Amino acid sequence: MTRDHFAAIDAPLQNEDIVICKRVFDHICATGHITGGDACDELATQIIYFYQHGVTNEDSLEQLLARVANKQRQT
């Protein structure tokens, strides 16, 4: 991997990035009935991880996280 690749992943989120991630978090919590604790922490971690790895479209991020949540429920 190139140095630029690592720099993009490790770069701090900007205000507009945080707004998108927060909106996705709030929507998933509201529709998935996530109320707190470890589930919220895990969700926030996943949102930031996928966002920093290139899933920056809000709808795509929500769809990806919904699929991840469904797989986790099945196991």
N, C-alpha and C. Protein backbone atom coordinates (compact mmCIF):
# COMPACT_ATOMS: atom_id res chain seq x y z
N MET A 1 0.84 -1.18 0.00
CA MET A 1 0.00 0.00 0.00
C MET A 1 0.88 1.24 0.00
N THR A 2 0.34 2.29 -0.56
CA THR A 2 1.11 3.52 -0.65
C THR A 2 0.95 4.36 0.61
N ARG A 3 1.85 5.28 0.75
CA ARG A 3 1.80 6.20 1.88
C ARG A 3 0.52 7.03 1.83
N ASP A 4 0.08 7.41 0.62
CA ASP A 4 -1.15 8.19 0.48
C ASP A 4 -2.36 7.41 0.97
N HIS A 5 -2.38 6.09 0.74
CA HIS A 5 -3.49 5.25 1.19
C HIS A 5 -3.59 5.29 2.72
N PHE A 6 -2.47 5.12 3.39
CA PHE A 6 -2.50 5.15 4.85
C PHE A 6 -2.88 6.53 5.36
N ALA A 7 -2.41 7.56 4.71
CA ALA A 7 -2.72 8.91 5.14
C ALA A 7 -4.21 9.20 5.04
N ALA A 8 -4.87 8.71 3.98
CA ALA A 8 -6.31 8.95 3.81
C ALA A 8 -7.10 8.24 4.90
N ILE A 9 -6.70 7.04 5.26
CA ILE A 9 -7.43 6.29 6.28
C ILE A 9 -7.21 6.90 7.66
N ASP A 10 -6.03 7.36 7.94
CA ASP A 10 -5.70 7.89 9.26
C ASP A 10 -6.02 9.37 9.42
N ALA A 11 -6.48 10.02 8.36
CA ALA A 11 -6.78 11.45 8.44
C ALA A 11 -7.96 11.68 9.37
N PRO A 12 -7.90 12.74 10.15
CA PRO A 12 -9.04 13.04 11.03
C PRO A 12 -10.28 13.41 10.22
N LEU A 13 -11.43 13.09 10.75
CA LEU A 13 -12.68 13.45 10.09
C LEU A 13 -12.90 14.96 10.18
N GLN A 14 -13.40 15.52 9.11
CA GLN A 14 -13.74 16.93 9.07
C GLN A 14 -15.18 17.11 9.57
N ASN A 15 -15.59 18.34 9.82
CA ASN A 15 -16.94 18.60 10.33
C ASN A 15 -18.02 17.99 9.46
N GLU A 16 -17.90 18.13 8.13
CA GLU A 16 -18.93 17.58 7.25
C GLU A 16 -18.95 16.05 7.30
N ASP A 17 -17.80 15.43 7.54
CA ASP A 17 -17.74 13.98 7.69
C ASP A 17 -18.48 13.54 8.97
N ILE A 18 -18.25 14.27 10.02
CA ILE A 18 -18.89 13.96 11.31
C ILE A 18 -20.40 14.11 11.21
N VAL A 19 -20.85 15.13 10.49
CA VAL A 19 -22.29 15.35 10.31
C VAL A 19 -22.92 14.14 9.61
N ILE A 20 -22.27 13.65 8.57
CA ILE A 20 -22.79 12.48 7.84
C ILE A 20 -22.80 11.26 8.75
N CYS A 21 -21.70 11.01 9.43
CA CYS A 21 -21.62 9.84 10.31
C CYS A 21 -22.67 9.92 11.43
N LYS A 22 -22.87 11.08 11.98
CA LYS A 22 -23.86 11.26 13.05
C LYS A 22 -25.27 11.02 12.54
N ARG A 23 -25.55 11.50 11.34
CA ARG A 23 -26.88 11.30 10.75
C ARG A 23 -27.15 9.81 10.53
N VAL A 24 -26.14 9.10 10.02
CA VAL A 24 -26.26 7.66 9.81
C VAL A 24 -26.46 6.96 11.17
N PHE A 25 -25.67 7.33 12.15
CA PHE A 25 -25.78 6.75 13.49
C PHE A 25 -27.18 6.95 14.06
N ASP A 26 -27.66 8.18 14.01
CA ASP A 26 -28.98 8.50 14.56
C ASP A 26 -30.09 7.73 13.84
N HIS A 27 -29.99 7.63 12.52
CA HIS A 27 -31.01 6.93 11.75
C HIS A 27 -31.02 5.44 12.07
N ILE A 28 -29.85 4.83 12.14
CA ILE A 28 -29.77 3.40 12.44
C ILE A 28 -30.26 3.12 13.87
N CYS A 29 -29.90 3.98 14.79
CA CYS A 29 -30.37 3.80 16.17
C CYS A 29 -31.89 3.90 16.24
N ALA A 30 -32.45 4.86 15.52
CA ALA A 30 -33.90 5.06 15.55
C ALA A 30 -34.64 3.89 14.90
N THR A 31 -34.15 3.40 13.77
CA THR A 31 -34.85 2.33 13.06
C THR A 31 -34.51 0.96 13.61
N GLY A 32 -33.35 0.83 14.23
CA GLY A 32 -32.93 -0.46 14.76
C GLY A 32 -33.18 -0.59 16.25
N HIS A 33 -33.73 0.45 16.84
CA HIS A 33 -34.05 0.44 18.27
C HIS A 33 -32.82 0.19 19.14
N ILE A 34 -31.71 0.74 18.73
CA ILE A 34 -30.48 0.65 19.53
C ILE A 34 -30.52 1.78 20.54
N THR A 35 -30.42 1.44 21.82
CA THR A 35 -30.63 2.45 22.85
C THR A 35 -29.39 2.84 23.63
N GLY A 36 -28.35 2.06 23.58
CA GLY A 36 -27.17 2.47 24.32
C GLY A 36 -26.22 1.33 24.57
N GLY A 37 -25.19 1.65 25.32
CA GLY A 37 -24.24 0.64 25.73
C GLY A 37 -23.32 0.18 24.62
N ASP A 38 -22.98 -1.10 24.70
CA ASP A 38 -22.01 -1.69 23.78
C ASP A 38 -22.48 -1.66 22.33
N ALA A 39 -23.79 -1.81 22.11
CA ALA A 39 -24.31 -1.81 20.74
C ALA A 39 -24.07 -0.47 20.07
N CYS A 40 -24.27 0.62 20.79
CA CYS A 40 -24.02 1.95 20.22
C CYS A 40 -22.55 2.18 19.98
N ASP A 41 -21.72 1.73 20.90
CA ASP A 41 -20.28 1.88 20.73
C ASP A 41 -19.80 1.13 19.50
N GLU A 42 -20.30 -0.09 19.32
CA GLU A 42 -19.92 -0.91 18.17
C GLU A 42 -20.40 -0.27 16.87
N LEU A 43 -21.62 0.24 16.87
CA LEU A 43 -22.16 0.89 15.69
C LEU A 43 -21.32 2.10 15.31
N ALA A 44 -21.00 2.94 16.27
CA ALA A 44 -20.19 4.13 16.00
C ALA A 44 -18.83 3.75 15.43
N THR A 45 -18.22 2.72 15.99
CA THR A 45 -16.93 2.24 15.52
C THR A 45 -17.02 1.77 14.07
N GLN A 46 -18.07 1.01 13.75
CA GLN A 46 -18.25 0.51 12.39
C GLN A 46 -18.49 1.64 11.40
N ILE A 47 -19.30 2.62 11.79
CA ILE A 47 -19.57 3.76 10.90
C ILE A 47 -18.28 4.47 10.54
N ILE A 48 -17.48 4.78 11.54
CA ILE A 48 -16.23 5.51 11.29
C ILE A 48 -15.26 4.65 10.48
N TYR A 49 -15.18 3.37 10.80
CA TYR A 49 -14.29 2.47 10.06
C TYR A 49 -14.64 2.46 8.57
N PHE A 50 -15.90 2.19 8.26
CA PHE A 50 -16.31 2.11 6.86
C PHE A 50 -16.19 3.46 6.17
N TYR A 51 -16.51 4.53 6.87
CA TYR A 51 -16.39 5.87 6.29
C TYR A 51 -14.94 6.17 5.93
N GLN A 52 -14.04 5.89 6.84
CA GLN A 52 -12.62 6.15 6.58
C GLN A 52 -12.05 5.23 5.51
N HIS A 53 -12.72 4.13 5.26
CA HIS A 53 -12.26 3.20 4.22
C HIS A 53 -13.00 3.39 2.90
N GLY A 54 -13.65 4.53 2.75
CA GLY A 54 -14.17 4.91 1.45
C GLY A 54 -15.67 4.87 1.25
N VAL A 55 -16.44 4.38 2.22
CA VAL A 55 -17.90 4.37 2.07
C VAL A 55 -18.41 5.70 2.63
N THR A 56 -18.38 6.74 1.79
CA THR A 56 -18.72 8.08 2.26
C THR A 56 -20.11 8.54 1.82
N ASN A 57 -20.77 7.74 1.00
CA ASN A 57 -22.14 8.06 0.60
C ASN A 57 -23.06 7.62 1.73
N GLU A 58 -23.91 8.52 2.17
CA GLU A 58 -24.76 8.26 3.33
C GLU A 58 -25.65 7.03 3.15
N ASP A 59 -26.32 6.93 2.01
CA ASP A 59 -27.20 5.79 1.76
C ASP A 59 -26.42 4.48 1.68
N SER A 60 -25.28 4.52 1.02
CA SER A 60 -24.45 3.31 0.91
C SER A 60 -23.96 2.86 2.28
N LEU A 61 -23.59 3.81 3.10
CA LEU A 61 -23.12 3.50 4.44
C LEU A 61 -24.22 2.85 5.27
N GLU A 62 -25.42 3.39 5.20
CA GLU A 62 -26.56 2.80 5.93
C GLU A 62 -26.87 1.40 5.44
N GLN A 63 -26.86 1.19 4.13
CA GLN A 63 -27.15 -0.12 3.58
C GLN A 63 -26.10 -1.14 4.00
N LEU A 64 -24.84 -0.76 3.96
CA LEU A 64 -23.76 -1.64 4.37
C LEU A 64 -23.90 -2.03 5.84
N LEU A 65 -24.17 -1.06 6.67
CA LEU A 65 -24.29 -1.33 8.10
C LEU A 65 -25.52 -2.17 8.41
N ALA A 66 -26.58 -2.00 7.65
CA ALA A 66 -27.78 -2.84 7.82
C ALA A 66 -27.45 -4.29 7.50
N ARG A 67 -26.68 -4.51 6.41
CA ARG A 67 -26.28 -5.88 6.06
C ARG A 67 -25.37 -6.49 7.13
N VAL A 68 -24.45 -5.68 7.66
CA VAL A 68 -23.57 -6.16 8.72
C VAL A 68 -24.39 -6.54 9.95
N ALA A 69 -25.35 -5.70 10.31
CA ALA A 69 -26.19 -5.97 11.49
C ALA A 69 -27.01 -7.24 11.29
N ASN A 70 -27.55 -7.44 10.09
CA ASN A 70 -28.33 -8.64 9.81
C ASN A 70 -27.48 -9.90 9.93
N LYS A 71 -26.26 -9.83 9.42
CA LYS A 71 -25.36 -10.98 9.52
C LYS A 71 -25.00 -11.28 10.99
N GLN A 72 -24.81 -10.23 11.77
CA GLN A 72 -24.46 -10.42 13.18
C GLN A 72 -25.63 -11.04 13.95
N ARG A 73 -26.85 -10.68 13.60
CA ARG A 73 -28.03 -11.25 14.26
C ARG A 73 -28.19 -12.72 13.92
N GLN A 74 -27.77 -13.11 12.72
CA GLN A 74 -27.93 -14.49 12.27
C GLN A 74 -26.93 -15.44 12.92
N THR A 75 -25.84 -14.91 13.42
CA THR A 75 -24.81 -15.78 14.03
C THR A 75 -25.00 -15.92 15.51
